[in-house]
Amino acid sequence: MWGLIVLIFILLFVILPSFLKIVQEYERLVVFRLGRCIGERGPGLVILIPFVDRPVRVDLRELYLEIPEQTCITKDNAPISIDFLIYWKVVDPVKSVVQVGNFAGASQGIATTTLRAIIGDILLDDILAKREQINLLLRQKLDEVTERWGVKITSVEIREIIPPREIQEAMNKQMSAERNRRALVTEAEGKKVAAITVAEGEKQSAILRAEGEQKAQILRADGYAKALEEIFSAAKNVDSNTMLIQYFEALKTLGSTNATKFVIPVELTSLISTIGSKVKDSMK
């Protein structure tokens, strides 16, 4: 009895997994029956014939392949080291199993030869400046080859480009010179802007000063005009006697000085003669 139970357990754990397979959503089983491919199976539960069917699992997810550093010669005979990544996914599980034995090794070999062929037709300066174009060209070239394997190259990404040490030193010097040039240009532009700002400020200040002086002159002229108007209006009301008294006061002031010469206005003599005639008339 116990022997039968043990036999059943052995059948369940040994034979059952050989003809019942659970396939994930991102997988497919390529089934070979007596050596002949009968197609793909899955996802879900797949029933196989024990000892007759041989399944091969194929992952349909996007994977990547790392290509180690490769030394290539550019069109201008400069050695350069490049490493990159290849992103790929299986689009035909049957071809990926039947048409190629080791996809990773085959892809790496094609990738290195294709890379050298592409880099050999490009100048060093273009390689450093046109990385995206090189990625696209590599992807197209690799995809043409891997298409017959049922594999799609989705992307190629160059990770690092290492030029020779001499070229790196020359590039560093060039970058340093470019930074110095930009600094000088920035400084010159700053000085130019500052000079323009100062000139504009001085111009505005001169305009404001001129406007202020003009207003001050206008105010002074208005003051003088008003003063003259008041003097003329007051002079209209002054008679000859008042003017004579003012002249006498002026003569008195002149007489108190040490001057030996005096200048008598003509108006004073005529005014005195007029007053004298008026006095004579009053005495008659």
Protein backbone atom coordinates (compact mmCIF):
# COMPACT_ATOMS: atom_id res chain seq x y z
CA MET A 1 0.00 0.00 0.00
CA TRP A 2 2.70 2.46 1.02
CA GLY A 3 4.66 1.53 -2.08
CA LEU A 4 1.75 2.49 -4.31
CA ILE A 5 1.42 5.85 -2.59
CA VAL A 6 5.14 6.53 -3.02
CA LEU A 7 4.87 5.57 -6.69
CA ILE A 8 1.97 7.96 -7.19
CA PHE A 9 3.91 10.80 -5.56
CA ILE A 10 6.90 10.07 -7.80
CA LEU A 11 4.66 10.18 -10.85
CA LEU A 12 3.13 13.47 -9.71
CA PHE A 13 6.43 15.24 -8.99
CA VAL A 14 8.47 13.78 -11.87
CA ILE A 15 6.16 13.01 -14.75
CA LEU A 16 3.49 15.67 -14.18
CA PRO A 17 5.87 18.68 -14.57
CA SER A 18 7.13 17.16 -17.79
CA PHE A 19 3.79 17.43 -19.60
CA LEU A 20 2.11 20.30 -17.74
CA LYS A 21 3.76 23.71 -18.14
CA ILE A 22 2.58 27.11 -16.89
CA VAL A 23 3.60 29.88 -19.27
CA GLN A 24 3.65 33.51 -18.09
CA GLU A 25 2.08 36.33 -20.06
CA TYR A 26 5.51 37.62 -21.16
CA GLU A 27 6.71 34.14 -22.22
CA ARG A 28 6.13 31.68 -25.00
CA LEU A 29 7.00 27.99 -25.36
CA VAL A 30 8.48 26.86 -28.66
CA VAL A 31 7.66 23.13 -28.78
CA PHE A 32 9.72 20.52 -30.61
CA ARG A 33 8.01 17.16 -31.10
CA LEU A 34 10.47 14.46 -31.93
CA GLY A 35 12.84 17.12 -33.20
CA ARG A 36 10.32 18.97 -35.37
CA CYS A 37 9.12 22.44 -34.40
CA ILE A 38 5.35 22.44 -34.06
CA GLY A 39 5.04 26.14 -33.16
CA GLU A 40 4.69 28.28 -30.07
CA ARG A 41 2.42 27.74 -27.10
CA GLY A 42 1.16 29.95 -24.31
CA PRO A 43 0.49 31.89 -22.27
CA GLY A 44 -1.31 29.89 -19.58
CA LEU A 45 -1.39 26.13 -19.04
CA VAL A 46 0.31 24.08 -21.80
CA ILE A 47 -0.04 20.29 -21.99
CA LEU A 48 2.87 18.38 -23.53
CA ILE A 49 3.49 14.75 -24.36
CA PRO A 50 6.07 13.43 -21.91
CA PHE A 51 9.37 12.27 -23.42
CA VAL A 52 8.12 13.35 -26.87
CA ASP A 53 7.76 17.13 -26.72
CA ARG A 54 10.71 19.35 -25.82
CA PRO A 55 9.78 22.95 -24.85
CA VAL A 56 12.04 26.01 -25.14
CA ARG A 57 11.05 29.13 -23.19
CA VAL A 58 11.34 32.47 -24.90
CA ASP A 59 11.13 35.79 -23.05
CA LEU A 60 9.17 38.46 -24.96
CA ARG A 61 10.16 41.36 -22.71
CA GLU A 62 12.55 44.05 -23.88
CA LEU A 63 16.07 43.15 -22.81
CA TYR A 64 19.46 44.78 -23.20
CA LEU A 65 22.84 43.56 -24.29
CA GLU A 66 25.98 45.28 -23.07
CA ILE A 67 28.71 45.56 -25.68
CA PRO A 68 32.11 45.94 -24.00
CA GLU A 69 34.56 48.68 -24.91
CA GLN A 70 35.67 48.49 -28.52
CA THR A 71 38.64 50.26 -30.10
CA CYS A 72 37.84 51.71 -33.51
CA ILE A 73 39.77 53.78 -36.04
CA THR A 74 38.09 56.93 -37.34
CA LYS A 75 38.24 58.26 -40.88
CA ASP A 76 41.11 60.57 -39.92
CA ASN A 77 43.06 57.63 -38.39
CA ALA A 78 42.40 58.46 -34.74
CA PRO A 79 41.94 55.50 -32.37
CA ILE A 80 38.88 55.80 -30.19
CA SER A 81 37.21 53.54 -27.61
CA ILE A 82 33.42 53.13 -27.54
CA ASP A 83 31.06 51.02 -25.47
CA PHE A 84 27.30 50.92 -25.89
CA LEU A 85 24.07 49.12 -25.06
CA ILE A 86 21.68 47.31 -27.41
CA TYR A 87 18.00 47.11 -26.43
CA TRP A 88 16.11 44.28 -28.13
CA LYS A 89 12.98 42.17 -27.91
CA VAL A 90 11.73 38.98 -29.53
CA VAL A 91 8.91 39.48 -32.02
CA ASP A 92 8.92 35.95 -33.46
CA PRO A 93 9.63 33.27 -30.83
CA VAL A 94 9.99 30.44 -33.35
CA LYS A 95 12.62 32.25 -35.45
CA SER A 96 14.51 33.35 -32.35
CA VAL A 97 14.98 29.68 -31.44
CA VAL A 98 15.26 28.04 -34.85
CA GLN A 99 17.26 30.66 -36.79
CA VAL A 100 20.00 31.47 -34.28
CA GLY A 101 21.74 29.37 -31.68
CA ASN A 102 23.21 32.06 -29.42
CA PHE A 103 21.59 35.40 -30.03
CA ALA A 104 23.71 37.27 -27.46
CA GLY A 105 27.00 36.10 -28.94
CA ALA A 106 25.86 36.59 -32.51
CA SER A 107 24.54 40.08 -31.75
CA GLN A 108 27.75 41.08 -30.03
CA GLY A 109 29.84 39.96 -32.99
CA ILE A 110 27.66 41.81 -35.51
CA ALA A 111 27.53 44.90 -33.28
CA THR A 112 31.33 45.17 -33.01
CA THR A 113 31.93 44.72 -36.75
CA THR A 114 29.12 47.13 -37.63
CA LEU A 115 30.45 49.71 -35.16
CA ARG A 116 33.93 49.58 -36.66
CA ALA A 117 32.52 49.94 -40.16
CA ILE A 118 30.43 52.98 -39.19
CA ILE A 119 33.18 54.70 -37.19
CA GLY A 120 35.67 54.13 -40.02
CA ASP A 121 33.60 56.42 -42.26
CA ILE A 122 33.26 59.31 -39.76
CA LEU A 123 35.76 61.96 -38.66
CA LEU A 124 36.65 62.22 -34.98
CA ASP A 125 35.00 65.63 -34.51
CA ASP A 126 31.77 64.31 -36.05
CA ILE A 127 31.80 61.26 -33.76
CA LEU A 128 31.96 63.48 -30.69
CA ALA A 129 29.30 65.86 -32.01
CA LYS A 130 26.86 63.45 -33.68
CA ARG A 131 26.31 60.71 -31.10
CA GLU A 132 22.55 60.51 -31.69
CA GLN A 133 23.02 60.04 -35.43
CA ILE A 134 25.52 57.24 -34.79
CA ASN A 135 23.04 55.56 -32.42
CA LEU A 136 20.34 55.69 -35.09
CA LEU A 137 22.66 54.35 -37.79
CA LEU A 138 23.82 51.48 -35.56
CA ARG A 139 20.23 50.55 -34.75
CA GLN A 140 19.25 50.48 -38.42
CA LYS A 141 22.26 48.36 -39.41
CA LEU A 142 21.77 45.85 -36.58
CA ASP A 143 18.02 45.66 -37.16
CA GLU A 144 18.58 44.65 -40.79
CA VAL A 145 20.57 41.62 -39.61
CA THR A 146 18.54 40.56 -36.57
CA GLU A 147 15.22 40.78 -38.42
CA ARG A 148 15.77 37.29 -39.87
CA TRP A 149 16.20 36.00 -36.30
CA GLY A 150 12.79 37.26 -35.24
CA VAL A 151 14.39 39.92 -33.03
CA LYS A 152 13.73 43.66 -33.13
CA ILE A 153 16.47 46.13 -32.14
CA THR A 154 14.52 48.86 -30.36
CA SER A 155 17.38 51.18 -29.44
CA VAL A 156 21.15 51.57 -29.39
CA GLU A 157 22.75 53.88 -26.83
CA ILE A 158 26.44 54.80 -26.81
CA ARG A 159 27.47 55.12 -23.17
CA GLU A 160 30.99 56.48 -23.44
CA ILE A 161 33.40 57.67 -26.10
CA ILE A 162 37.03 57.83 -25.02
CA PRO A 163 39.40 59.58 -27.44
CA PRO A 164 43.22 59.23 -27.15
CA ARG A 165 45.02 61.07 -24.35
CA GLU A 166 46.63 63.57 -26.74
CA ILE A 167 43.24 64.45 -28.19
CA GLN A 168 41.74 64.75 -24.69
CA GLU A 169 44.49 67.21 -23.71
CA ALA A 170 43.92 69.22 -26.89
CA MET A 171 40.17 69.23 -26.21
CA ASN A 172 40.76 70.40 -22.64
CA LYS A 173 42.94 73.25 -23.89
CA GLN A 174 40.33 74.18 -26.47
CA MET A 175 37.57 74.17 -23.83
CA SER A 176 39.72 76.29 -21.52
CA ALA A 177 40.40 78.79 -24.30
CA GLU A 178 36.70 78.88 -25.15
CA ARG A 179 35.77 79.53 -21.50
CA ASN A 180 38.33 82.34 -21.32
CA ARG A 181 36.97 83.83 -24.52
CA ARG A 182 33.42 83.72 -23.19
CA ALA A 183 34.56 85.31 -19.93
CA LEU A 184 36.25 88.15 -21.81
CA VAL A 185 33.20 88.65 -24.01
CA THR A 186 30.94 88.68 -20.96
CA GLU A 187 33.21 91.16 -19.18
CA ALA A 188 33.35 93.42 -22.26
CA GLU A 189 29.58 93.31 -22.61
CA GLY A 190 29.22 94.15 -18.93
CA LYS A 191 31.53 97.15 -19.27
CA LYS A 192 29.67 98.26 -22.37
CA VAL A 193 26.31 98.07 -20.60
CA ALA A 194 27.74 99.90 -17.58
CA ALA A 195 29.18 102.68 -19.79
CA ILE A 196 25.87 103.05 -21.60
CA THR A 197 24.03 103.20 -18.29
CA VAL A 198 26.41 105.84 -16.92
CA ALA A 199 26.14 107.89 -20.14
CA GLU A 200 22.36 107.68 -20.04
CA GLY A 201 22.41 108.77 -16.40
CA GLU A 202 24.67 111.72 -17.13
CA LYS A 203 22.49 112.66 -20.09
CA GLN A 204 19.34 112.59 -17.97
CA SER A 205 21.10 114.52 -15.21
CA ALA A 206 22.27 117.21 -17.68
CA ILE A 207 18.75 117.46 -19.10
CA LEU A 208 17.30 117.84 -15.60
CA ARG A 209 19.92 120.48 -14.69
CA ALA A 210 19.23 122.43 -17.89
CA GLU A 211 15.50 122.27 -17.27
CA GLY A 212 16.06 123.43 -13.69
CA GLU A 213 18.25 126.35 -14.78
CA GLN A 214 15.72 127.28 -17.43
CA LYS A 215 12.92 127.33 -14.88
CA ALA A 216 15.08 129.35 -12.46
CA GLN A 217 15.87 131.91 -15.16
CA ILE A 218 12.21 132.15 -16.05
CA LEU A 219 11.35 132.70 -12.38
CA ARG A 220 14.08 135.36 -12.02
CA ALA A 221 12.90 137.08 -15.18
CA ASP A 222 9.33 137.03 -13.86
CA GLY A 223 10.57 138.53 -10.58
CA TYR A 224 12.46 141.26 -12.34
CA ALA A 225 9.46 142.03 -14.51
CA LYS A 226 7.15 142.27 -11.52
CA ALA A 227 9.68 144.45 -9.66
CA LEU A 228 9.98 146.80 -12.62
CA GLU A 229 6.22 146.99 -12.91
CA GLU A 230 5.95 147.95 -9.24
CA ILE A 231 8.74 150.55 -9.64
CA PHE A 232 7.08 152.06 -12.70
CA SER A 233 3.70 152.14 -10.99
CA ALA A 234 5.26 153.83 -7.95
CA ALA A 235 7.21 156.27 -10.13
CA LYS A 236 4.00 157.47 -11.74
CA ASN A 237 2.81 158.74 -8.36
CA VAL A 238 6.04 160.53 -7.46
CA ASP A 239 5.99 164.36 -8.08
CA SER A 240 8.94 166.66 -8.78
CA ASN A 241 9.30 167.74 -5.11
CA THR A 242 9.72 164.17 -3.98
CA MET A 243 12.33 163.60 -6.68
CA LEU A 244 14.15 166.78 -5.60
CA ILE A 245 14.25 165.60 -1.99
CA GLN A 246 15.67 162.27 -3.16
CA TYR A 247 18.32 164.11 -5.16
CA PHE A 248 19.21 166.27 -2.16
CA GLU A 249 19.60 163.19 -0.02
CA ALA A 250 21.87 161.74 -2.62
CA LEU A 251 23.95 164.93 -2.74
CA LYS A 252 24.19 164.93 1.01
CA THR A 253 25.56 161.38 0.92
CA LEU A 254 28.05 162.35 -1.77
CA GLY A 255 29.20 165.34 0.28
CA SER A 256 30.06 163.17 3.25
CA THR A 257 32.61 161.23 1.17
CA ASN A 258 36.27 162.21 0.47
CA ALA A 259 35.76 162.43 -3.28
CA THR A 260 36.97 165.61 -5.00
CA LYS A 261 34.88 165.21 -8.11
CA PHE A 262 31.10 164.89 -8.32
CA VAL A 263 28.88 164.11 -11.28
CA ILE A 264 25.56 166.00 -11.20
CA PRO A 265 22.83 164.55 -13.40
CA VAL A 266 21.31 166.90 -15.98
CA GLU A 267 17.87 166.05 -14.68
CA LEU A 268 18.79 167.60 -11.30
CA THR A 269 19.57 171.07 -12.78
CA SER A 270 16.42 171.12 -14.84
CA LEU A 271 14.41 170.03 -11.82
CA ILE A 272 15.94 172.80 -9.65
CA SER A 273 15.21 175.45 -12.30
CA THR A 274 11.62 174.25 -12.49
CA ILE A 275 11.21 174.47 -8.71
CA GLY A 276 12.84 177.92 -8.68
CA SER A 277 10.40 179.22 -11.26
CA LYS A 278 7.50 177.85 -9.24
CA VAL A 279 8.80 179.64 -6.08
CA LYS A 280 9.05 182.96 -7.95
CA ASP A 281 5.52 182.62 -9.21
CA SER A 282 4.22 181.95 -5.74
CA MET A 283 5.97 185.07 -4.34
CA LYS A 284 4.31 187.32 -6.89
